[in-house]
C-alpha atoms as a PDB file:
ATOM      1  CA  UNK A   1      16.777 268.267 136.817  1.00  0.00           C
ATOM      2  CA  UNK A   2      16.750 266.792 133.309  1.00  0.00           C
ATOM      3  CA  UNK A   3      13.649 266.819 131.162  1.00  0.00           C
ATOM      4  CA  UNK A   4      11.015 264.145 131.735  1.00  0.00           C
ATOM      5  CA  UNK A   5      10.719 261.304 129.248  1.00  0.00           C
ATOM      6  CA  UNK A   6       8.300 258.465 128.756  1.00  0.00           C
ATOM      7  CA  UNK A   7      10.352 255.326 129.295  1.00  0.00           C
ATOM      8  CA  UNK A   8       9.440 252.234 127.251  1.00  0.00           C
ATOM      9  CA  UNK A   9      10.010 248.785 128.665  1.00  0.00           C
ATOM     10  CA  UNK A  10      13.543 247.634 127.874  1.00  0.00           C
ATOM     11  CA  UNK A  11      14.359 244.550 125.854  1.00  0.00           C
ATOM     12  CA  UNK A  12      17.563 242.499 126.117  1.00  0.00           C
ATOM     13  CA  UNK A  13      20.516 244.016 124.278  1.00  0.00           C
ATOM     14  CA  UNK A  14      21.500 240.650 122.804  1.00  0.00           C
ATOM     15  CA  UNK A  15      18.253 240.361 120.837  1.00  0.00           C
ATOM     16  CA  UNK A  16      18.827 243.809 119.346  1.00  0.00           C
ATOM     17  CA  UNK A  17      22.386 243.040 118.296  1.00  0.00           C
ATOM     18  CA  UNK A  18      21.248 239.819 116.667  1.00  0.00           C
ATOM     19  CA  UNK A  19      18.834 241.889 114.601  1.00  0.00           C
ATOM     20  CA  UNK A  20      21.158 244.686 113.489  1.00  0.00           C
ATOM     21  CA  UNK A  21      24.461 242.870 112.986  1.00  0.00           C
ATOM     22  CA  UNK A  22      25.690 239.685 111.401  1.00  0.00           C
ATOM     23  CA  UNK A  23      24.462 236.437 112.965  1.00  0.00           C
ATOM     24  CA  UNK A  24      26.496 235.659 116.049  1.00  0.00           C
ATOM     25  CA  UNK A  25      27.607 232.294 117.332  1.00  0.00           C
ATOM     26  CA  UNK A  26      25.618 230.952 120.254  1.00  0.00           C
ATOM     27  CA  UNK A  27      26.549 231.985 123.766  1.00  0.00           C
ATOM     28  CA  UNK A  28      28.051 229.444 126.143  1.00  0.00           C
ATOM     29  CA  UNK A  29      26.455 226.095 125.249  1.00  0.00           C
ATOM     30  CA  UNK A  30      25.636 224.049 128.322  1.00  0.00           C
ATOM     31  CA  UNK A  31      24.266 220.689 129.345  1.00  0.00           C
ATOM     32  CA  UNK A  32      23.929 219.629 132.949  1.00  0.00           C
ATOM     33  CA  UNK A  33      22.608 216.740 134.997  1.00  0.00           C
ATOM     34  CA  UNK A  34      21.720 216.820 138.677  1.00  0.00           C
ATOM     35  CA  UNK A  35      23.250 214.166 140.881  1.00  0.00           C
ATOM     36  CA  UNK A  36      24.563 213.623 144.371  1.00  0.00           C
ATOM     37  CA  UNK A  37      27.666 212.019 142.888  1.00  0.00           C
ATOM     38  CA  UNK A  38      28.992 211.143 139.460  1.00  0.00           C
ATOM     39  CA  UNK A  39      31.589 208.648 138.337  1.00  0.00           C
ATOM     40  CA  UNK A  40      32.934 207.516 134.980  1.00  0.00           C
ATOM     41  CA  UNK A  41      32.370 204.065 133.561  1.00  0.00           C
ATOM     42  CA  UNK A  42      35.936 203.082 134.354  1.00  0.00           C
ATOM     43  CA  UNK A  43      35.240 203.192 138.078  1.00  0.00           C
ATOM     44  CA  UNK A  44      37.739 205.995 138.584  1.00  0.00           C
ATOM     45  CA  UNK A  45      36.662 209.148 140.376  1.00  0.00           C
ATOM     46  CA  UNK A  46      36.010 211.010 137.152  1.00  0.00           C
ATOM     47  CA  UNK A  47      32.687 212.775 136.569  1.00  0.00           C
ATOM     48  CA  UNK A  48      30.454 211.832 133.679  1.00  0.00           C
ATOM     49  CA  UNK A  49      29.486 214.837 131.546  1.00  0.00           C
ATOM     50  CA  UNK A  50      26.356 213.820 129.603  1.00  0.00           C
ATOM     51  CA  UNK A  51      25.675 215.033 126.096  1.00  0.00           C
ATOM     52  CA  UNK A  52      21.913 215.056 126.650  1.00  0.00           C
ATOM     53  CA  UNK A  53      19.907 216.974 129.224  1.00  0.00           C
ATOM     54  CA  UNK A  54      18.537 215.122 132.243  1.00  0.00           C
ATOM     55  CA  UNK A  55      16.380 217.206 134.559  1.00  0.00           C
ATOM     56  CA  UNK A  56      16.729 214.890 137.551  1.00  0.00           C
ATOM     57  CA  UNK A  57      15.286 215.516 140.988  1.00  0.00           C
ATOM     58  CA  UNK A  58      17.548 218.350 142.086  1.00  0.00           C
ATOM     59  CA  UNK A  59      16.695 221.570 143.864  1.00  0.00           C
ATOM     60  CA  UNK A  60      19.592 223.695 142.583  1.00  0.00           C
ATOM     61  CA  UNK A  61      20.348 224.735 139.012  1.00  0.00           C
ATOM     62  CA  UNK A  62      23.629 226.488 138.112  1.00  0.00           C
ATOM     63  CA  UNK A  63      24.316 228.151 134.787  1.00  0.00           C
ATOM     64  CA  UNK A  64      27.279 229.892 133.204  1.00  0.00           C
ATOM     65  CA  UNK A  65      26.052 233.309 132.097  1.00  0.00           C
ATOM     66  CA  UNK A  66      29.086 234.644 130.221  1.00  0.00           C
ATOM     67  CA  UNK A  67      28.292 235.712 126.681  1.00  0.00           C
ATOM     68  CA  UNK A  68      31.050 233.325 125.644  1.00  0.00           C
ATOM     69  CA  UNK A  69      34.223 231.672 126.923  1.00  0.00           C
ATOM     70  CA  UNK A  70      37.425 231.364 124.911  1.00  0.00           C
ATOM     71  CA  UNK A  71      40.927 229.942 124.910  1.00  0.00           C
ATOM     72  CA  UNK A  72      43.047 231.674 127.544  1.00  0.00           C
ATOM     73  CA  UNK A  73      42.225 233.143 130.933  1.00  0.00           C
ATOM     74  CA  UNK A  74      38.522 233.576 131.697  1.00  0.00           C
ATOM     75  CA  UNK A  75      36.471 235.118 134.464  1.00  0.00           C
ATOM     76  CA  UNK A  76      33.712 232.513 134.614  1.00  0.00           C
ATOM     77  CA  UNK A  77      30.427 233.864 135.956  1.00  0.00           C
ATOM     78  CA  UNK A  78      27.768 231.476 137.271  1.00  0.00           C
ATOM     79  CA  UNK A  79      24.233 232.026 138.455  1.00  0.00           C
ATOM     80  CA  UNK A  80      22.486 229.668 140.860  1.00  0.00           C
ATOM     81  CA  UNK A  81      18.721 229.302 141.115  1.00  0.00           C
ATOM     82  CA  UNK A  82      16.465 226.920 143.038  1.00  0.00           C
ATOM     83  CA  UNK A  83      13.447 224.907 141.915  1.00  0.00           C
ATOM     84  CA  UNK A  84      11.229 227.962 142.537  1.00  0.00           C
ATOM     85  CA  UNK A  85      13.293 229.969 140.026  1.00  0.00           C
ATOM     86  CA  UNK A  86      14.735 232.120 142.816  1.00  0.00           C
ATOM     87  CA  UNK A  87      18.348 233.232 143.016  1.00  0.00           C
ATOM     88  CA  UNK A  88      20.396 231.430 145.665  1.00  0.00           C
ATOM     89  CA  UNK A  89      22.753 233.945 147.268  1.00  0.00           C
ATOM     90  CA  UNK A  90      24.038 232.078 150.315  1.00  0.00           C
ATOM     91  CA  UNK A  91      25.657 228.904 148.977  1.00  0.00           C
ATOM     92  CA  UNK A  92      29.267 227.799 148.893  1.00  0.00           C
ATOM     93  CA  UNK A  93      30.656 226.510 145.603  1.00  0.00           C
ATOM     94  CA  UNK A  94      33.745 224.692 144.359  1.00  0.00           C
ATOM     95  CA  UNK A  95      34.372 224.086 140.650  1.00  0.00           C
ATOM     96  CA  UNK A  96      36.632 221.631 138.867  1.00  0.00           C
ATOM     97  CA  UNK A  97      37.234 222.313 135.174  1.00  0.00           C
ATOM     98  CA  UNK A  98      37.699 219.319 132.854  1.00  0.00           C
ATOM     99  CA  UNK A  99      38.929 219.151 129.280  1.00  0.00           C
ATOM    100  CA  UNK A 100      36.499 216.877 127.404  1.00  0.00           C
ATOM    101  CA  UNK A 101      38.234 216.878 124.019  1.00  0.00           C
ATOM    102  CA  UNK A 102      40.069 213.595 124.563  1.00  0.00           C
ATOM    103  CA  UNK A 103      38.937 210.039 125.209  1.00  0.00           C
ATOM    104  CA  UNK A 104      38.301 210.748 128.898  1.00  0.00           C
ATOM    105  CA  UNK A 105      37.733 213.907 130.964  1.00  0.00           C
ATOM    106  CA  UNK A 106      40.963 215.483 132.209  1.00  0.00           C
ATOM    107  CA  UNK A 107      40.913 217.703 135.278  1.00  0.00           C
ATOM    108  CA  UNK A 108      42.747 220.922 134.380  1.00  0.00           C
ATOM    109  CA  UNK A 109      42.044 223.223 137.333  1.00  0.00           C
ATOM    110  CA  UNK A 110      40.019 223.672 140.499  1.00  0.00           C
ATOM    111  CA  UNK A 111      38.755 226.822 142.167  1.00  0.00           C
ATOM    112  CA  UNK A 112      36.585 228.010 145.001  1.00  0.00           C
ATOM    113  CA  UNK A 113      33.883 230.308 143.654  1.00  0.00           C
ATOM    114  CA  UNK A 114      33.453 233.765 145.087  1.00  0.00           C
ATOM    115  CA  UNK A 115      29.925 234.989 145.714  1.00  0.00           C
ATOM    116  CA  UNK A 116      29.453 238.601 144.625  1.00  0.00           C
ATOM    117  CA  UNK A 117      26.058 240.020 145.540  1.00  0.00           C
ATOM    118  CA  UNK A 118      24.621 243.434 144.775  1.00  0.00           C
ATOM    119  CA  UNK A 119      21.486 245.514 145.049  1.00  0.00           C
ATOM    120  CA  UNK A 120      19.464 245.693 141.830  1.00  0.00           C
ATOM    121  CA  UNK A 121      18.079 249.077 140.832  1.00  0.00           C
ATOM    122  CA  UNK A 122      17.258 251.382 137.953  1.00  0.00           C
ATOM    123  CA  UNK A 123      16.690 255.083 137.364  1.00  0.00           C
ATOM    124  CA  UNK A 124      12.977 255.673 136.735  1.00  0.00           C
ATOM    125  CA  UNK A 125      12.754 258.497 134.213  1.00  0.00           C
ATOM    126  CA  UNK A 126       8.956 258.526 134.555  1.00  0.00           C
ATOM    127  CA  UNK A 127       9.080 259.117 138.299  1.00  0.00           C
ATOM    128  CA  UNK A 128      11.293 262.146 138.921  1.00  0.00           C
ATOM    129  CA  UNK A 129      14.426 260.114 138.129  1.00  0.00           C
ATOM    130  CA  UNK A 130      14.225 258.154 141.350  1.00  0.00           C
ATOM    131  CA  UNK A 131      16.577 255.255 141.978  1.00  0.00           C
ATOM    132  CA  UNK A 132      14.176 252.314 142.288  1.00  0.00           C
ATOM    133  CA  UNK A 133      15.388 249.183 144.073  1.00  0.00           C
ATOM    134  CA  UNK A 134      14.044 245.907 142.650  1.00  0.00           C
ATOM    135  CA  UNK A 135      15.787 243.345 144.862  1.00  0.00           C
ATOM    136  CA  UNK A 136      19.137 241.616 145.257  1.00  0.00           C
ATOM    137  CA  UNK A 137      21.233 239.837 142.681  1.00  0.00           C
ATOM    138  CA  UNK A 138      24.420 237.864 142.752  1.00  0.00           C
ATOM    139  CA  UNK A 139      26.823 235.623 140.875  1.00  0.00           C
ATOM    140  CA  UNK A 140      29.499 233.045 141.672  1.00  0.00           C
ATOM    141  CA  UNK A 141      32.857 233.854 140.061  1.00  0.00           C
ATOM    142  CA  UNK A 142      35.886 231.692 139.370  1.00  0.00           C
ATOM    143  CA  UNK A 143      38.893 232.121 137.098  1.00  0.00           C
ATOM    144  CA  UNK A 144      39.887 229.378 134.686  1.00  0.00           C
ATOM    145  CA  UNK A 145      42.389 228.946 131.869  1.00  0.00           C
ATOM    146  CA  UNK A 146      41.272 226.903 128.857  1.00  0.00           C
ATOM    147  CA  UNK A 147      44.119 225.784 126.602  1.00  0.00           C
ATOM    148  CA  UNK A 148      42.077 224.665 123.603  1.00  0.00           C
ATOM    149  CA  UNK A 149      38.624 225.227 122.113  1.00  0.00           C
ATOM    150  CA  UNK A 150      35.870 222.647 122.129  1.00  0.00           C
ATOM    151  CA  UNK A 151      34.016 220.734 124.810  1.00  0.00           C
ATOM    152  CA  UNK A 152      34.740 221.401 128.469  1.00  0.00           C
ATOM    153  CA  UNK A 153      33.060 220.403 131.688  1.00  0.00           C
ATOM    154  CA  UNK A 154      32.618 221.944 135.105  1.00  0.00           C
ATOM    155  CA  UNK A 155      32.080 219.703 138.107  1.00  0.00           C
ATOM    156  CA  UNK A 156      30.174 222.077 140.376  1.00  0.00           C
ATOM    157  CA  UNK A 157      30.013 221.231 144.069  1.00  0.00           C
ATOM    158  CA  UNK A 158      27.384 223.273 145.899  1.00  0.00           C
ATOM    159  CA  UNK A 159      27.095 223.566 149.667  1.00  0.00           C
ATOM    160  CA  UNK A 160      23.643 224.798 150.680  1.00  0.00           C
ATOM    161  CA  UNK A 161      21.316 224.233 153.655  1.00  0.00           C
ATOM    162  CA  UNK A 162      23.635 221.631 155.131  1.00  0.00           C
ATOM    163  CA  UNK A 163      23.666 219.510 151.964  1.00  0.00           C
ATOM    164  CA  UNK A 164      26.266 218.920 149.279  1.00  0.00           C
ATOM    165  CA  UNK A 165      25.183 218.629 145.641  1.00  0.00           C
ATOM    166  CA  UNK A 166      27.511 217.750 142.771  1.00  0.00           C
ATOM    167  CA  UNK A 167      26.432 218.827 139.277  1.00  0.00           C
ATOM    168  CA  UNK A 168      28.433 217.907 136.134  1.00  0.00           C
ATOM    169  CA  UNK A 169      27.990 220.667 133.573  1.00  0.00           C
ATOM    170  CA  UNK A 170      29.137 220.685 129.935  1.00  0.00           C
ATOM    171  CA  UNK A 171      29.928 223.870 127.987  1.00  0.00           C
ATOM    172  CA  UNK A 172      31.731 225.103 124.886  1.00  0.00           C
ATOM    173  CA  UNK A 173      34.973 227.086 124.682  1.00  0.00           C
ATOM    174  CA  UNK A 174      35.619 229.120 121.540  1.00  0.00           C
ATOM    175  CA  UNK A 175      38.857 230.240 119.899  1.00  0.00           C
ATOM    176  CA  UNK A 176      37.998 233.856 120.683  1.00  0.00           C
ATOM    177  CA  UNK A 177      35.226 235.755 122.409  1.00  0.00           C
ATOM    178  CA  UNK A 178      32.989 237.992 120.363  1.00  0.00           C
ATOM    179  CA  UNK A 179      33.986 241.056 122.420  1.00  0.00           C
ATOM    180  CA  UNK A 180      37.667 242.129 122.551  1.00  0.00           C
ATOM    181  CA  UNK A 181      39.786 239.872 124.713  1.00  0.00           C
ATOM    182  CA  UNK A 182      42.492 240.531 127.267  1.00  0.00           C
ATOM    183  CA  UNK A 183      45.609 241.626 125.401  1.00  0.00           C
ATOM    184  CA  UNK A 184      43.678 242.905 122.393  1.00  0.00           C
ATOM    185  CA  UNK A 185      43.872 246.582 121.465  1.00  0.00           C
ATOM    186  CA  UNK A 186      40.854 248.557 122.619  1.00  0.00           C
ATOM    187  CA  UNK A 187      38.727 249.772 119.686  1.00  0.00           C
ATOM    188  CA  UNK A 188      39.254 253.553 119.365  1.00  0.00           C
ATOM    189  CA  UNK A 189      35.584 254.498 119.393  1.00  0.00           C
ATOM    190  CA  UNK A 190      34.480 258.037 118.579  1.00  0.00           C
ATOM    191  CA  UNK A 191      31.298 257.988 120.646  1.00  0.00           C
ATOM    192  CA  UNK A 192      29.184 261.071 121.328  1.00  0.00           C
ATOM    193  CA  UNK A 193      30.422 263.281 124.172  1.00  0.00           C
ATOM    194  CA  UNK A 194      29.257 266.461 125.871  1.00  0.00           C
ATOM    195  CA  UNK A 195      31.157 268.309 123.149  1.00  0.00           C
ATOM    196  CA  UNK A 196      28.751 266.957 120.526  1.00  0.00           C
ATOM    197  CA  UNK A 197      25.476 266.137 122.336  1.00  0.00           C
ATOM    198  CA  UNK A 198      23.461 267.387 125.329  1.00  0.00           C
ATOM    199  CA  UNK A 199      24.280 265.253 128.354  1.00  0.00           C
ATOM    200  CA  UNK A 200      20.693 263.960 128.648  1.00  0.00           C
ATOM    201  CA  UNK A 201      21.020 262.402 125.177  1.00  0.00           C
ATOM    202  CA  UNK A 202      24.039 260.301 126.176  1.00  0.00           C
ATOM    203  CA  UNK A 203      23.534 259.535 129.879  1.00  0.00           C
ATOM    204  CA  UNK A 204      20.648 258.104 131.916  1.00  0.00           C
ATOM    205  CA  UNK A 205      22.446 258.571 135.232  1.00  0.00           C
ATOM    206  CA  UNK A 206      20.882 260.666 137.991  1.00  0.00           C
ATOM    207  CA  UNK A 207      22.771 262.826 138.638  1.00  0.00           C
ATOM    208  CA  UNK A 208      24.598 262.877 135.313  1.00  0.00           C
ATOM    209  CA  UNK A 209      28.186 261.651 135.162  1.00  0.00           C
ATOM    210  CA  UNK A 210      29.397 264.481 132.940  1.00  0.00           C
ATOM    211  CA  UNK A 211      33.082 263.908 133.649  1.00  0.00           C
ATOM    212  CA  UNK A 212      32.790 260.419 132.136  1.00  0.00           C
ATOM    213  CA  UNK A 213      31.300 261.806 128.925  1.00  0.00           C
ATOM    214  CA  UNK A 214      33.904 264.465 128.231  1.00  0.00           C
ATOM    215  CA  UNK A 215      36.314 262.403 126.135  1.00  0.00           C
ATOM    216  CA  UNK A 216      35.996 259.831 123.363  1.00  0.00           C
ATOM    217  CA  UNK A 217      37.585 256.435 123.763  1.00  0.00           C
ATOM    218  CA  UNK A 218      39.925 257.313 120.905  1.00  0.00           C
ATOM    219  CA  UNK A 219      41.151 260.418 122.740  1.00  0.00           C
ATOM    220  CA  UNK A 220      41.377 258.589 126.067  1.00  0.00           C
ATOM    221  CA  UNK A 221      43.665 255.993 124.502  1.00  0.00           C
ATOM    222  CA  UNK A 222      46.068 258.775 123.512  1.00  0.00           C
ATOM    223  CA  UNK A 223      46.556 260.073 127.066  1.00  0.00           C
ATOM    224  CA  UNK A 224      49.050 257.410 128.097  1.00  0.00           C
ATOM    225  CA  UNK A 225      46.932 256.702 131.177  1.00  0.00           C
ATOM    226  CA  UNK A 226      44.932 253.619 132.073  1.00  0.00           C
ATOM    227  CA  UNK A 227      41.323 253.869 130.921  1.00  0.00           C
ATOM    228  CA  UNK A 228      38.191 252.369 132.467  1.00  0.00           C
ATOM    229  CA  UNK A 229      35.379 252.085 129.920  1.00  0.00           C
ATOM    230  CA  UNK A 230      31.918 251.213 131.205  1.00  0.00           C
ATOM    231  CA  UNK A 231      29.036 250.253 128.929  1.00  0.00           C
ATOM    232  CA  UNK A 232      25.943 250.630 131.101  1.00  0.00           C
ATOM    233  CA  UNK A 233      22.482 252.167 131.078  1.00  0.00           C
ATOM    234  CA  UNK A 234      21.145 252.986 134.562  1.00  0.00           C
ATOM    235  CA  UNK A 235      17.582 253.585 133.282  1.00  0.00           C
ATOM    236  CA  UNK A 236      17.143 250.819 130.706  1.00  0.00           C
ATOM    237  CA  UNK A 237      19.302 247.948 131.981  1.00  0.00           C
ATOM    238  CA  UNK A 238      17.401 244.678 131.629  1.00  0.00           C
ATOM    239  CA  UNK A 239      19.312 243.007 134.469  1.00  0.00           C
ATOM    240  CA  UNK A 240      19.094 246.101 136.730  1.00  0.00           C
ATOM    241  CA  UNK A 241      22.834 245.768 137.398  1.00  0.00           C
ATOM    242  CA  UNK A 242      24.039 248.762 135.343  1.00  0.00           C
ATOM    243  CA  UNK A 243      23.284 251.363 138.017  1.00  0.00           C
ATOM    244  CA  UNK A 244      24.947 249.317 140.761  1.00  0.00           C
ATOM    245  CA  UNK A 245      28.109 248.706 138.702  1.00  0.00           C
ATOM    246  CA  UNK A 246      28.458 252.459 138.262  1.00  0.00           C
ATOM    247  CA  UNK A 247      27.427 253.370 141.818  1.00  0.00           C
ATOM    248  CA  UNK A 248      29.404 250.742 143.715  1.00  0.00           C
ATOM    249  CA  UNK A 249      32.385 249.983 141.489  1.00  0.00           C
ATOM    250  CA  UNK A 250      33.125 252.723 138.970  1.00  0.00           C
ATOM    251  CA  UNK A 251      32.271 255.839 141.008  1.00  0.00           C
ATOM    252  CA  UNK A 252      34.481 254.932 144.013  1.00  0.00           C
ATOM    253  CA  UNK A 253      37.370 254.220 141.639  1.00  0.00           C
ATOM    254  CA  UNK A 254      36.765 257.531 139.858  1.00  0.00           C
ATOM    255  CA  UNK A 255      37.010 259.475 143.105  1.00  0.00           C
ATOM    256  CA  UNK A 256      40.087 257.541 144.253  1.00  0.00           C
ATOM    257  CA  UNK A 257      42.065 257.405 140.989  1.00  0.00           C
ATOM    258  CA  UNK A 258      40.546 260.088 138.754  1.00  0.00           C
ATOM    259  CA  UNK A 259      43.793 262.064 138.496  1.00  0.00           C
ATOM    260  CA  UNK A 260      45.712 259.097 137.111  1.00  0.00           C
ATOM    261  CA  UNK A 261      43.026 257.201 135.179  1.00  0.00           C
ATOM    262  CA  UNK A 262      40.575 258.242 132.461  1.00  0.00           C
ATOM    263  CA  UNK A 263      36.976 257.124 133.023  1.00  0.00           C
ATOM    264  CA  UNK A 264      34.544 256.779 130.118  1.00  0.00           C
ATOM    265  CA  UNK A 265      30.861 255.858 130.387  1.00  0.00           C
ATOM    266  CA  UNK A 266      28.937 254.828 127.254  1.00  0.00           C
ATOM    267  CA  UNK A 267      25.190 254.268 127.090  1.00  0.00           C
ATOM    268  CA  UNK A 268      24.700 251.195 124.873  1.00  0.00           C
ATOM    269  CA  UNK A 269      21.520 252.503 123.179  1.00  0.00           C
ATOM    270  CA  UNK A 270      20.652 255.562 121.110  1.00  0.00           C
ATOM    271  CA  UNK A 271      18.545 257.219 123.792  1.00  0.00           C
ATOM    272  CA  UNK A 272      16.566 259.466 121.457  1.00  0.00           C
ATOM    273  CA  UNK A 273      15.326 256.463 119.464  1.00  0.00           C
ATOM    274  CA  UNK A 274      14.585 254.476 122.586  1.00  0.00           C
ATOM    275  CA  UNK A 275      12.568 257.198 124.285  1.00  0.00           C
ATOM    276  CA  UNK A 276      10.622 258.245 121.204  1.00  0.00           C
ATOM    277  CA  UNK A 277       9.975 254.966 119.391  1.00  0.00           C
ATOM    278  CA  UNK A 278      10.785 252.182 121.846  1.00  0.00           C
ATOM    279  CA  UNK A 279      13.512 250.937 119.478  1.00  0.00           C
ATOM    280  CA  UNK A 280      16.764 249.876 121.127  1.00  0.00           C
ATOM    281  CA  UNK A 281      19.321 250.800 118.478  1.00  0.00           C
ATOM    282  CA  UNK A 282      22.856 250.095 119.729  1.00  0.00           C
ATOM    283  CA  UNK A 283      25.246 253.010 119.536  1.00  0.00           C
ATOM    284  CA  UNK A 284      28.162 252.502 117.114  1.00  0.00           C
ATOM    285  CA  UNK A 285      30.598 251.790 119.966  1.00  0.00           C
ATOM    286  CA  UNK A 286      28.575 248.737 121.032  1.00  0.00           C
ATOM    287  CA  UNK A 287      28.870 247.294 117.538  1.00  0.00           C
ATOM    288  CA  UNK A 288      32.578 248.167 117.344  1.00  0.00           C
ATOM    289  CA  UNK A 289      33.201 246.362 120.635  1.00  0.00           C
ATOM    290  CA  UNK A 290      30.839 243.519 119.561  1.00  0.00           C
ATOM    291  CA  UNK A 291      28.971 243.437 122.870  1.00  0.00           C
ATOM    292  CA  UNK A 292      26.055 241.077 123.408  1.00  0.00           C
ATOM    293  CA  UNK A 293      25.028 242.097 126.920  1.00  0.00           C
ATOM    294  CA  UNK A 294      25.264 244.901 129.462  1.00  0.00           C
ATOM    295  CA  UNK A 295      26.843 246.085 131.653  1.00  0.00           C
ATOM    296  CA  UNK A 296      30.528 245.715 130.768  1.00  0.00           C
ATOM    297  CA  UNK A 297      33.616 247.236 132.412  1.00  0.00           C
ATOM    298  CA  UNK A 298      36.893 247.184 130.469  1.00  0.00           C
ATOM    299  CA  UNK A 299      40.229 248.157 132.004  1.00  0.00           C
ATOM    300  CA  UNK A 300      42.695 249.348 129.356  1.00  0.00           C
ATOM    301  CA  UNK A 301      46.415 249.738 130.032  1.00  0.00           C
ATOM    302  CA  UNK A 302      48.702 252.655 129.178  1.00  0.00           C
ATOM    303  CA  UNK A 303      49.508 251.143 125.779  1.00  0.00           C
ATOM    304  CA  UNK A 304      45.863 250.892 124.789  1.00  0.00           C
ATOM    305  CA  UNK A 305      45.490 247.124 125.279  1.00  0.00           C
ATOM    306  CA  UNK A 306      42.744 245.521 127.334  1.00  0.00           C
ATOM    307  CA  UNK A 307      44.088 244.439 130.716  1.00  0.00           C
ATOM    308  CA  UNK A 308      40.847 243.017 132.134  1.00  0.00           C
ATOM    309  CA  UNK A 309      37.145 242.826 131.372  1.00  0.00           C
ATOM    310  CA  UNK A 310      34.133 242.285 133.603  1.00  0.00           C
ATOM    311  CA  UNK A 311      30.726 241.249 132.323  1.00  0.00           C
ATOM    312  CA  UNK A 312      27.680 241.815 134.504  1.00  0.00           C
ATOM    313  CA  UNK A 313      28.054 241.947 138.275  1.00  0.00           C
ATOM    314  CA  UNK A 314      31.559 242.700 139.536  1.00  0.00           C
ATOM    315  CA  UNK A 315      33.166 243.607 142.839  1.00  0.00           C
ATOM    316  CA  UNK A 316      34.976 246.869 143.494  1.00  0.00           C
ATOM    317  CA  UNK A 317      38.200 245.127 144.551  1.00  0.00           C
ATOM    318  CA  UNK A 318      38.261 242.977 141.388  1.00  0.00           C
ATOM    319  CA  UNK A 319      38.595 246.059 139.216  1.00  0.00           C
ATOM    320  CA  UNK A 320      40.730 248.007 141.675  1.00  0.00           C
ATOM    321  CA  UNK A 321      43.350 245.264 141.897  1.00  0.00           C
ATOM    322  CA  UNK A 322      43.904 245.427 138.126  1.00  0.00           C
ATOM    323  CA  UNK A 323      44.034 249.202 138.220  1.00  0.00           C
ATOM    324  CA  UNK A 324      46.580 249.323 141.035  1.00  0.00           C
ATOM    325  CA  UNK A 325      48.818 246.889 139.191  1.00  0.00           C
ATOM    326  CA  UNK A 326      48.752 249.121 136.114  1.00  0.00           C
ATOM    327  CA  UNK A 327      49.594 252.137 138.283  1.00  0.00           C
ATOM    328  CA  UNK A 328      52.453 250.213 139.935  1.00  0.00           C
ATOM    329  CA  UNK A 329      50.800 250.571 143.331  1.00  0.00           C
ATOM    330  CA  UNK A 330      51.008 247.904 146.048  1.00  0.00           C
ATOM    331  CA  UNK A 331      47.970 245.657 146.404  1.00  0.00           C
ATOM    332  CA  UNK A 332      45.496 246.515 149.108  1.00  0.00           C
ATOM    333  CA  UNK A 333      45.820 243.997 151.907  1.00  0.00           C
ATOM    334  CA  UNK A 334      42.545 243.152 153.582  1.00  0.00           C
ATOM    335  CA  UNK A 335      42.798 243.138 157.384  1.00  0.00           C
ATOM    336  CA  UNK A 336      42.742 239.728 159.047  1.00  0.00           C
ATOM    337  CA  UNK A 337      39.675 239.300 161.252  1.00  0.00           C
ATOM    338  CA  UNK A 338      40.558 239.173 164.920  1.00  0.00           C
ATOM    339  CA  UNK A 339      38.874 236.674 167.219  1.00  0.00           C
ATOM    340  CA  UNK A 340      37.212 238.149 170.264  1.00  0.00           C
ATOM    341  CA  UNK A 341      38.768 237.370 173.626  1.00  0.00           C
END
């Protein structure tokens, strides 16, 4: 059992990075208006995406929670709350994505959102390293390709409690995301490992994940194998999703593919500073990867380029499908439900 520590209350990683690094551009900029239907002035069935906020009379409030969105393919992550500021984890959702950079909105793509829910928990270092459950969380995920930066809109159709609500939502797409993008080379970080630090100084897991702290990112990139790099802190995660992403996504993949894939876990904070002074100093790898939130899972291909990235809550099969493609393995086919006689 690792030594006991007094655990200070965590603060959001983004606020720390804003303090220690150069000023960053704002995260996804959004404006939304609640309505049962929306139409353009021309009378055509085109939603109106307002440039000013109107609170309206709605009961549901979606938000895009990606750190940023950029030109190219994006995994768009949305959160849905109700008027009581509670997460809504049982709705259906369709999203139409509109380019707003011309004279009129242009529908570019449509997608049905996938609800991914998860238990929220953290490792309590002040209570015998117990895994403490704090509730349930969830996000709605779609994939969208944006072909130019600037203003974009999402027409979000929500199906909840027998009612349909349509919410036009405006957001900003950048040229590039702050963190490395798909196709970019993975930064060859030389983070602390068990060869240089005691495991309790670089891991808040319980039990420790020593095998994921045995190799630097730089060395992992030289193996010629796919690499899964997870930035997560099971004890200090503000969103309480770091433990679950490791428990439910990364660990099962490690046990299934550990012979053919290198797994690296990086705590985003200098744990000694955090435990002793309540200062959340990002480790150098966080600054090298320019991360503004946690957790993150990056899948890196055999050539050292990023094949996929997942911010926040993710599903096991999302990551596994990318991994199996890199390993030239057939996709896993989900069984078709059979109707009872």
